[in-house]
Amino acid sequence: MNRVVVWLAIALTHSLSVSASENDAVGIYVYGRTVETLTKPEKQAREKALKDERSRAEKEVASLEKRFEKAHGKKSAEWPEDVKREYRDAQAASYLAVLEHHEVLAEQKELTDTAEDIRESIPKVIERAKKTAVALVEGLDEASLRVEVLARRTKSGMPAVTYWLFLKLTPVAWKDPGALVGTALEDANVEEGYVGLTALTGVWSGVTTLHRYTDAAPYWIVMVGQQLNGWGAAAYYAAEVLTEFAAVQASGE
């Protein structure tokens, strides 16, 4: 990338941040989680324990699915509500176990690089989608939405590999972040086994909530991913999700 292109990219990022902040935009700040320093034996022991817990949680989901399908049929949308809730809770626990396992596997550079890729993508998404009520900000204290990259994983499949990013979304001084719970952003796809911030089509199609916003734990943890062409594409998709999410808050819908 030559100096002119770099200068233009910086100028675009700055102009979007400044113009949007003047209009009380929802400011997004993205950063990579600080990876805990462990000795090699400590890391190996923790990785084994978390891998075992992940395996246990995934087996529990498979066991419940088999039992519920036998009792209530293969169409999960037609299961009794209490059965759906038990299955979704088990699935959420399984996703969290996957996250914890990948957190101990994560390297600092990959989290830092992914956060930077998302930051570089957000102004492009704002410009393309004309989300003028959303801005990229340069500091944690300026942010209305703090986004921490916790971990990432790949999953092989056909016709392509799925790239997943685990993100923690912490709202700061939002009008009513709890109001998003129960809206179209939440539970739109629960009959397919997803939990939370997800929808049947559009930008939300590859988003799964691992932790919902509560008063006691006021943040979301989401898993964002699709069959894409590498981590750069995954970061751009995450930028689309974050921009749309912030735009919903800005609009008050």
C-alpha atoms as a PDB file:
ATOM      1  CA  MET A   1       0.000   0.000   0.000  1.00  0.00           C
ATOM      2  CA  ASN A   2       1.547   3.368  -1.009  1.00  0.00           C
ATOM      3  CA  ARG A   3       1.679   6.471   1.173  1.00  0.00           C
ATOM      4  CA  VAL A   4      -1.171   8.233  -0.643  1.00  0.00           C
ATOM      5  CA  VAL A   5      -3.536   5.308  -0.078  1.00  0.00           C
ATOM      6  CA  VAL A   6      -2.503   5.068   3.582  1.00  0.00           C
ATOM      7  CA  TRP A   7      -3.067   8.810   4.044  1.00  0.00           C
ATOM      8  CA  LEU A   8      -6.492   8.601   2.414  1.00  0.00           C
ATOM      9  CA  ALA A   9      -7.482   5.651   4.619  1.00  0.00           C
ATOM     10  CA  ILE A  10      -6.435   7.546   7.754  1.00  0.00           C
ATOM     11  CA  ALA A  11      -8.257  10.669   6.593  1.00  0.00           C
ATOM     12  CA  LEU A  12     -11.434   8.710   5.884  1.00  0.00           C
ATOM     13  CA  THR A  13     -11.335   7.047   9.306  1.00  0.00           C
ATOM     14  CA  HIS A  14     -10.806  10.406  11.031  1.00  0.00           C
ATOM     15  CA  SER A  15     -13.525  12.187   9.079  1.00  0.00           C
ATOM     16  CA  LEU A  16     -16.078   9.493   9.795  1.00  0.00           C
ATOM     17  CA  SER A  17     -15.209   9.478  13.498  1.00  0.00           C
ATOM     18  CA  VAL A  18     -15.312  13.242  13.885  1.00  0.00           C
ATOM     19  CA  SER A  19     -18.426  13.930  11.823  1.00  0.00           C
ATOM     20  CA  ALA A  20     -20.355  11.133  13.497  1.00  0.00           C
ATOM     21  CA  SER A  21     -19.292  12.018  17.035  1.00  0.00           C
ATOM     22  CA  GLU A  22     -20.557  15.541  16.529  1.00  0.00           C
ATOM     23  CA  ASN A  23     -23.997  14.037  15.965  1.00  0.00           C
ATOM     24  CA  ASP A  24     -23.992  11.838  19.093  1.00  0.00           C
ATOM     25  CA  ALA A  25     -23.092   8.749  17.125  1.00  0.00           C
ATOM     26  CA  VAL A  26     -22.553   5.378  18.700  1.00  0.00           C
ATOM     27  CA  GLY A  27     -18.768   5.172  18.814  1.00  0.00           C
ATOM     28  CA  ILE A  28     -17.117   1.759  18.419  1.00  0.00           C
ATOM     29  CA  TYR A  29     -13.696   0.887  19.802  1.00  0.00           C
ATOM     30  CA  VAL A  30     -12.161  -2.515  18.994  1.00  0.00           C
ATOM     31  CA  TYR A  31      -9.174  -4.083  20.732  1.00  0.00           C
ATOM     32  CA  GLY A  32      -7.594  -7.489  21.260  1.00  0.00           C
ATOM     33  CA  ARG A  33      -7.787  -9.301  24.584  1.00  0.00           C
ATOM     34  CA  THR A  34      -4.550  -9.351  26.550  1.00  0.00           C
ATOM     35  CA  VAL A  35      -3.433 -12.981  26.563  1.00  0.00           C
ATOM     36  CA  GLU A  36      -2.442 -14.342  29.957  1.00  0.00           C
ATOM     37  CA  THR A  37       1.224 -15.290  30.232  1.00  0.00           C
ATOM     38  CA  LEU A  38       1.586 -18.962  31.142  1.00  0.00           C
ATOM     39  CA  THR A  39       4.511 -21.322  31.380  1.00  0.00           C
ATOM     40  CA  LYS A  40       4.494 -24.185  28.897  1.00  0.00           C
ATOM     41  CA  PRO A  41       3.431 -26.757  31.534  1.00  0.00           C
ATOM     42  CA  GLU A  42       0.675 -24.404  32.790  1.00  0.00           C
ATOM     43  CA  LYS A  43      -0.635 -23.847  29.281  1.00  0.00           C
ATOM     44  CA  GLN A  44      -0.593 -27.555  28.463  1.00  0.00           C
ATOM     45  CA  ALA A  45      -2.439 -28.438  31.671  1.00  0.00           C
ATOM     46  CA  ARG A  46      -5.077 -25.764  31.174  1.00  0.00           C
ATOM     47  CA  GLU A  47      -5.523 -26.649  27.510  1.00  0.00           C
ATOM     48  CA  LYS A  48      -6.125 -30.302  28.413  1.00  0.00           C
ATOM     49  CA  ALA A  49      -8.632 -29.438  31.150  1.00  0.00           C
ATOM     50  CA  LEU A  50     -10.554 -27.065  28.880  1.00  0.00           C
ATOM     51  CA  LYS A  51     -10.489 -29.499  25.975  1.00  0.00           C
ATOM     52  CA  ASP A  52     -11.963 -32.172  28.256  1.00  0.00           C
ATOM     53  CA  GLU A  53     -14.674 -29.771  29.447  1.00  0.00           C
ATOM     54  CA  ARG A  54     -15.458 -28.787  25.862  1.00  0.00           C
ATOM     55  CA  SER A  55     -15.803 -32.459  24.907  1.00  0.00           C
ATOM     56  CA  ARG A  56     -18.102 -33.111  27.871  1.00  0.00           C
ATOM     57  CA  ALA A  57     -20.319 -30.124  27.005  1.00  0.00           C
ATOM     58  CA  GLU A  58     -20.555 -31.089  23.326  1.00  0.00           C
ATOM     59  CA  LYS A  59     -21.466 -34.670  24.241  1.00  0.00           C
ATOM     60  CA  GLU A  60     -24.193 -33.340  26.534  1.00  0.00           C
ATOM     61  CA  VAL A  61     -25.727 -31.370  23.649  1.00  0.00           C
ATOM     62  CA  ALA A  62     -25.616 -34.414  21.370  1.00  0.00           C
ATOM     63  CA  SER A  63     -27.200 -36.579  24.054  1.00  0.00           C
ATOM     64  CA  LEU A  64     -30.009 -34.093  24.680  1.00  0.00           C
ATOM     65  CA  GLU A  65     -30.682 -33.696  20.971  1.00  0.00           C
ATOM     66  CA  LYS A  66     -30.959 -37.458  20.524  1.00  0.00           C
ATOM     67  CA  ARG A  67     -33.248 -37.804  23.555  1.00  0.00           C
ATOM     68  CA  PHE A  68     -35.490 -34.877  22.603  1.00  0.00           C
ATOM     69  CA  GLU A  69     -35.804 -35.983  18.980  1.00  0.00           C
ATOM     70  CA  LYS A  70     -36.850 -39.438  20.144  1.00  0.00           C
ATOM     71  CA  ALA A  71     -39.445 -37.987  22.529  1.00  0.00           C
ATOM     72  CA  HIS A  72     -40.709 -34.995  20.505  1.00  0.00           C
ATOM     73  CA  GLY A  73     -39.670 -35.482  16.871  1.00  0.00           C
ATOM     74  CA  LYS A  74     -36.870 -34.101  14.721  1.00  0.00           C
ATOM     75  CA  LYS A  75     -38.430 -30.639  14.227  1.00  0.00           C
ATOM     76  CA  SER A  76     -37.002 -28.668  17.157  1.00  0.00           C
ATOM     77  CA  ALA A  77     -39.432 -25.802  16.466  1.00  0.00           C
ATOM     78  CA  GLU A  78     -42.228 -28.092  17.610  1.00  0.00           C
ATOM     79  CA  TRP A  79     -40.586 -29.123  20.875  1.00  0.00           C
ATOM     80  CA  PRO A  80     -42.208 -27.974  24.157  1.00  0.00           C
ATOM     81  CA  GLU A  81     -40.894 -24.614  25.355  1.00  0.00           C
ATOM     82  CA  ASP A  82     -39.185 -26.044  28.440  1.00  0.00           C
ATOM     83  CA  VAL A  83     -37.422 -28.613  26.280  1.00  0.00           C
ATOM     84  CA  LYS A  84     -36.253 -25.921  23.843  1.00  0.00           C
ATOM     85  CA  ARG A  85     -34.898 -23.887  26.748  1.00  0.00           C
ATOM     86  CA  GLU A  86     -33.009 -26.848  28.226  1.00  0.00           C
ATOM     87  CA  TYR A  87     -31.475 -27.615  24.848  1.00  0.00           C
ATOM     88  CA  ARG A  88     -30.526 -23.989  24.174  1.00  0.00           C
ATOM     89  CA  ASP A  89     -28.957 -23.631  27.620  1.00  0.00           C
ATOM     90  CA  ALA A  90     -26.877 -26.751  27.036  1.00  0.00           C
ATOM     91  CA  GLN A  91     -25.848 -25.468  23.621  1.00  0.00           C
ATOM     92  CA  ALA A  92     -24.851 -22.090  25.056  1.00  0.00           C
ATOM     93  CA  ALA A  93     -22.732 -23.858  27.682  1.00  0.00           C
ATOM     94  CA  SER A  94     -21.116 -25.850  24.889  1.00  0.00           C
ATOM     95  CA  TYR A  95     -20.287 -22.689  22.936  1.00  0.00           C
ATOM     96  CA  LEU A  96     -18.763 -21.101  26.040  1.00  0.00           C
ATOM     97  CA  ALA A  97     -16.637 -24.209  26.569  1.00  0.00           C
ATOM     98  CA  VAL A  98     -15.412 -23.872  22.972  1.00  0.00           C
ATOM     99  CA  LEU A  99     -14.564 -20.215  23.647  1.00  0.00           C
ATOM    100  CA  GLU A 100     -12.634 -20.999  26.828  1.00  0.00           C
ATOM    101  CA  HIS A 101     -10.669 -23.696  25.029  1.00  0.00           C
ATOM    102  CA  HIS A 102      -9.738 -21.344  22.193  1.00  0.00           C
ATOM    103  CA  GLU A 103      -8.864 -18.540  24.601  1.00  0.00           C
ATOM    104  CA  VAL A 104      -6.021 -20.606  26.030  1.00  0.00           C
ATOM    105  CA  LEU A 105      -4.905 -21.501  22.488  1.00  0.00           C
ATOM    106  CA  ALA A 106      -4.902 -17.882  21.307  1.00  0.00           C
ATOM    107  CA  GLU A 107      -1.721 -15.956  20.533  1.00  0.00           C
ATOM    108  CA  GLN A 108      -1.506 -12.239  21.275  1.00  0.00           C
ATOM    109  CA  LYS A 109      -0.519 -11.281  17.736  1.00  0.00           C
ATOM    110  CA  GLU A 110      -3.551 -12.936  16.135  1.00  0.00           C
ATOM    111  CA  LEU A 111      -5.967 -11.132  18.476  1.00  0.00           C
ATOM    112  CA  THR A 112      -4.210  -7.790  17.983  1.00  0.00           C
ATOM    113  CA  ASP A 113      -4.096  -8.229  14.203  1.00  0.00           C
ATOM    114  CA  THR A 114      -7.772  -9.224  14.011  1.00  0.00           C
ATOM    115  CA  ALA A 115      -8.797  -6.207  16.092  1.00  0.00           C
ATOM    116  CA  GLU A 116      -6.825  -3.971  13.733  1.00  0.00           C
ATOM    117  CA  ASP A 117      -8.457  -5.620  10.693  1.00  0.00           C
ATOM    118  CA  ILE A 118     -11.915  -4.944  12.165  1.00  0.00           C
ATOM    119  CA  ARG A 119     -10.989  -1.328  12.917  1.00  0.00           C
ATOM    120  CA  GLU A 120      -9.803  -0.840   9.343  1.00  0.00           C
ATOM    121  CA  SER A 121     -13.030  -2.364   8.017  1.00  0.00           C
ATOM    122  CA  ILE A 122     -15.533  -0.352  10.068  1.00  0.00           C
ATOM    123  CA  PRO A 123     -15.056   2.982   8.203  1.00  0.00           C
ATOM    124  CA  LYS A 124     -15.494   1.139   4.898  1.00  0.00           C
ATOM    125  CA  VAL A 125     -18.748  -0.406   6.125  1.00  0.00           C
ATOM    126  CA  ILE A 126     -19.981   2.936   7.476  1.00  0.00           C
ATOM    127  CA  GLU A 127     -19.279   4.593   4.126  1.00  0.00           C
ATOM    128  CA  ARG A 128     -20.805   1.811   2.032  1.00  0.00           C
ATOM    129  CA  ALA A 129     -23.919   1.347   4.189  1.00  0.00           C
ATOM    130  CA  LYS A 130     -24.241   5.078   4.971  1.00  0.00           C
ATOM    131  CA  LYS A 131     -24.476   4.425   8.717  1.00  0.00           C
ATOM    132  CA  THR A 132     -23.790   8.024   9.699  1.00  0.00           C
ATOM    133  CA  ALA A 133     -24.981   7.467  13.282  1.00  0.00           C
ATOM    134  CA  VAL A 134     -22.052   5.094  13.878  1.00  0.00           C
ATOM    135  CA  ALA A 135     -18.403   6.065  14.262  1.00  0.00           C
ATOM    136  CA  LEU A 136     -15.046   4.420  14.813  1.00  0.00           C
ATOM    137  CA  VAL A 137     -13.313   6.047  17.784  1.00  0.00           C
ATOM    138  CA  GLU A 138      -9.653   6.022  18.705  1.00  0.00           C
ATOM    139  CA  GLY A 139      -9.817   5.492  22.460  1.00  0.00           C
ATOM    140  CA  LEU A 140     -11.580   3.247  24.946  1.00  0.00           C
ATOM    141  CA  ASP A 141     -12.900   6.217  26.921  1.00  0.00           C
ATOM    142  CA  GLU A 142     -14.573   7.652  23.799  1.00  0.00           C
ATOM    143  CA  ALA A 143     -16.504   4.486  22.996  1.00  0.00           C
ATOM    144  CA  SER A 144     -20.219   3.839  23.333  1.00  0.00           C
ATOM    145  CA  LEU A 145     -19.575   0.213  22.360  1.00  0.00           C
ATOM    146  CA  ARG A 146     -16.379  -1.500  23.450  1.00  0.00           C
ATOM    147  CA  VAL A 147     -15.528  -4.593  21.419  1.00  0.00           C
ATOM    148  CA  GLU A 148     -12.901  -7.017  22.691  1.00  0.00           C
ATOM    149  CA  VAL A 149     -11.599  -9.782  20.430  1.00  0.00           C
ATOM    150  CA  LEU A 150     -11.443 -12.784  22.765  1.00  0.00           C
ATOM    151  CA  ALA A 151     -10.425 -15.651  20.482  1.00  0.00           C
ATOM    152  CA  ARG A 152     -10.883 -17.102  17.037  1.00  0.00           C
ATOM    153  CA  ARG A 153     -11.286 -20.550  15.481  1.00  0.00           C
ATOM    154  CA  THR A 154     -11.732 -22.272  12.155  1.00  0.00           C
ATOM    155  CA  LYS A 155     -14.019 -25.168  11.336  1.00  0.00           C
ATOM    156  CA  SER A 156     -13.549 -27.265   8.219  1.00  0.00           C
ATOM    157  CA  GLY A 157     -16.575 -27.976   6.087  1.00  0.00           C
ATOM    158  CA  MET A 158     -18.039 -28.008   2.615  1.00  0.00           C
ATOM    159  CA  PRO A 159     -17.740 -26.048   0.426  1.00  0.00           C
ATOM    160  CA  ALA A 160     -15.392 -23.863   2.487  1.00  0.00           C
ATOM    161  CA  VAL A 161     -13.850 -23.285   5.886  1.00  0.00           C
ATOM    162  CA  THR A 162     -15.848 -21.310   8.482  1.00  0.00           C
ATOM    163  CA  TYR A 163     -13.894 -18.589  10.256  1.00  0.00           C
ATOM    164  CA  TRP A 164     -15.260 -17.709  13.695  1.00  0.00           C
ATOM    165  CA  LEU A 165     -14.454 -14.683  15.847  1.00  0.00           C
ATOM    166  CA  PHE A 166     -15.430 -14.533  19.517  1.00  0.00           C
ATOM    167  CA  LEU A 167     -16.251 -10.961  20.548  1.00  0.00           C
ATOM    168  CA  LYS A 168     -17.250  -9.334  23.825  1.00  0.00           C
ATOM    169  CA  LEU A 169     -19.571  -6.334  23.302  1.00  0.00           C
ATOM    170  CA  THR A 170     -19.798  -3.928  26.236  1.00  0.00           C
ATOM    171  CA  PRO A 171     -22.194  -0.963  25.883  1.00  0.00           C
ATOM    172  CA  VAL A 172     -21.316   2.290  27.638  1.00  0.00           C
ATOM    173  CA  ALA A 173     -24.060   4.792  28.487  1.00  0.00           C
ATOM    174  CA  TRP A 174     -26.548   3.298  26.042  1.00  0.00           C
ATOM    175  CA  LYS A 175     -30.134   4.463  26.275  1.00  0.00           C
ATOM    176  CA  ASP A 176     -31.451   0.996  27.155  1.00  0.00           C
ATOM    177  CA  PRO A 177     -29.169  -1.891  26.170  1.00  0.00           C
ATOM    178  CA  GLY A 178     -31.433  -4.392  27.919  1.00  0.00           C
ATOM    179  CA  ALA A 179     -34.260  -3.447  25.552  1.00  0.00           C
ATOM    180  CA  LEU A 180     -32.468  -5.287  22.747  1.00  0.00           C
ATOM    181  CA  VAL A 181     -33.161  -8.553  24.540  1.00  0.00           C
ATOM    182  CA  GLY A 182     -36.334 -10.046  23.110  1.00  0.00           C
ATOM    183  CA  THR A 183     -36.291  -7.987  19.919  1.00  0.00           C
ATOM    184  CA  ALA A 184     -35.743  -9.280  16.400  1.00  0.00           C
ATOM    185  CA  LEU A 185     -32.026  -9.291  17.182  1.00  0.00           C
ATOM    186  CA  GLU A 186     -32.623 -11.947  19.829  1.00  0.00           C
ATOM    187  CA  ASP A 187     -34.214 -15.387  19.430  1.00  0.00           C
ATOM    188  CA  ALA A 188     -35.173 -15.025  15.760  1.00  0.00           C
ATOM    189  CA  ASN A 189     -33.604 -18.349  14.952  1.00  0.00           C
ATOM    190  CA  VAL A 190     -33.939 -20.362  18.152  1.00  0.00           C
ATOM    191  CA  GLU A 191     -35.834 -23.125  16.395  1.00  0.00           C
ATOM    192  CA  GLU A 192     -32.598 -23.858  14.551  1.00  0.00           C
ATOM    193  CA  GLY A 193     -30.657 -24.056  17.797  1.00  0.00           C
ATOM    194  CA  TYR A 194     -29.081 -20.629  17.786  1.00  0.00           C
ATOM    195  CA  VAL A 195     -29.034 -18.544  20.934  1.00  0.00           C
ATOM    196  CA  GLY A 196     -29.547 -14.790  20.838  1.00  0.00           C
ATOM    197  CA  LEU A 197     -28.389 -12.094  18.447  1.00  0.00           C
ATOM    198  CA  THR A 198     -29.245 -13.869  15.237  1.00  0.00           C
ATOM    199  CA  ALA A 199     -31.699 -13.718  12.368  1.00  0.00           C
ATOM    200  CA  LEU A 200     -32.759 -15.872   9.467  1.00  0.00           C
ATOM    201  CA  THR A 201     -31.210 -13.679   6.788  1.00  0.00           C
ATOM    202  CA  GLY A 202     -28.972 -10.701   6.253  1.00  0.00           C
ATOM    203  CA  VAL A 203     -26.049  -9.554   8.349  1.00  0.00           C
ATOM    204  CA  TRP A 204     -27.163 -11.536  11.407  1.00  0.00           C
ATOM    205  CA  SER A 205     -27.159 -14.936   9.698  1.00  0.00           C
ATOM    206  CA  GLY A 206     -23.755 -15.896  11.097  1.00  0.00           C
ATOM    207  CA  VAL A 207     -24.058 -14.513  14.630  1.00  0.00           C
ATOM    208  CA  THR A 208     -24.660 -16.596  17.743  1.00  0.00           C
ATOM    209  CA  THR A 209     -24.880 -15.235  21.275  1.00  0.00           C
ATOM    210  CA  LEU A 210     -22.941 -17.120  23.930  1.00  0.00           C
ATOM    211  CA  HIS A 211     -23.782 -14.709  26.743  1.00  0.00           C
ATOM    212  CA  ARG A 212     -26.726 -12.317  26.871  1.00  0.00           C
ATOM    213  CA  TYR A 213     -26.639  -8.870  28.385  1.00  0.00           C
ATOM    214  CA  THR A 214     -27.843  -8.852  32.007  1.00  0.00           C
ATOM    215  CA  ASP A 215     -27.716  -6.334  34.837  1.00  0.00           C
ATOM    216  CA  ALA A 216     -25.259  -8.572  36.678  1.00  0.00           C
ATOM    217  CA  ALA A 217     -23.041  -9.103  33.604  1.00  0.00           C
ATOM    218  CA  PRO A 218     -23.735  -6.092  31.341  1.00  0.00           C
ATOM    219  CA  TYR A 219     -22.257  -7.260  28.051  1.00  0.00           C
ATOM    220  CA  TRP A 220     -22.794  -9.706  25.205  1.00  0.00           C
ATOM    221  CA  ILE A 221     -20.396 -12.408  24.094  1.00  0.00           C
ATOM    222  CA  VAL A 222     -21.017 -13.368  20.485  1.00  0.00           C
ATOM    223  CA  MET A 223     -19.571 -15.814  17.996  1.00  0.00           C
ATOM    224  CA  VAL A 224     -19.428 -14.263  14.522  1.00  0.00           C
ATOM    225  CA  GLY A 225     -18.575 -16.317  11.486  1.00  0.00           C
ATOM    226  CA  GLN A 226     -19.399 -17.592   8.037  1.00  0.00           C
ATOM    227  CA  GLN A 227     -17.781 -19.628   5.281  1.00  0.00           C
ATOM    228  CA  LEU A 228     -15.342 -16.997   4.101  1.00  0.00           C
ATOM    229  CA  ASN A 229     -11.956 -16.556   2.455  1.00  0.00           C
ATOM    230  CA  GLY A 230      -9.676 -15.999   5.427  1.00  0.00           C
ATOM    231  CA  TRP A 231      -9.414 -13.839   8.514  1.00  0.00           C
ATOM    232  CA  GLY A 232      -9.545 -10.579   6.576  1.00  0.00           C
ATOM    233  CA  ALA A 233     -13.000 -11.458   5.261  1.00  0.00           C
ATOM    234  CA  ALA A 234     -14.037 -12.576   8.755  1.00  0.00           C
ATOM    235  CA  ALA A 235     -12.949  -9.211  10.159  1.00  0.00           C
ATOM    236  CA  TYR A 236     -14.946  -7.358   7.494  1.00  0.00           C
ATOM    237  CA  TYR A 237     -18.035  -9.415   8.273  1.00  0.00           C
ATOM    238  CA  ALA A 238     -17.561  -8.669  11.996  1.00  0.00           C
ATOM    239  CA  ALA A 239     -17.355  -4.966  11.122  1.00  0.00           C
ATOM    240  CA  GLU A 240     -20.691  -5.258   9.277  1.00  0.00           C
ATOM    241  CA  VAL A 241     -22.299  -6.919  12.297  1.00  0.00           C
ATOM    242  CA  LEU A 242     -20.915  -4.377  14.767  1.00  0.00           C
ATOM    243  CA  THR A 243     -21.914  -1.414  12.604  1.00  0.00           C
ATOM    244  CA  GLU A 244     -25.459  -2.725  12.194  1.00  0.00           C
ATOM    245  CA  PHE A 245     -25.706  -3.509  15.897  1.00  0.00           C
ATOM    246  CA  ALA A 246     -24.602   0.016  16.828  1.00  0.00           C
ATOM    247  CA  ALA A 247     -26.946   1.514  14.224  1.00  0.00           C
ATOM    248  CA  VAL A 248     -29.909  -0.262  15.820  1.00  0.00           C
ATOM    249  CA  GLN A 249     -29.023   1.300  19.159  1.00  0.00           C
ATOM    250  CA  ALA A 250     -28.571   4.725  17.552  1.00  0.00           C
ATOM    251  CA  SER A 251     -31.979   4.498  15.896  1.00  0.00           C
ATOM    252  CA  GLY A 252     -33.721   3.457  19.115  1.00  0.00           C
ATOM    253  CA  GLU A 253     -35.531   0.604  17.314  1.00  0.00           C
END
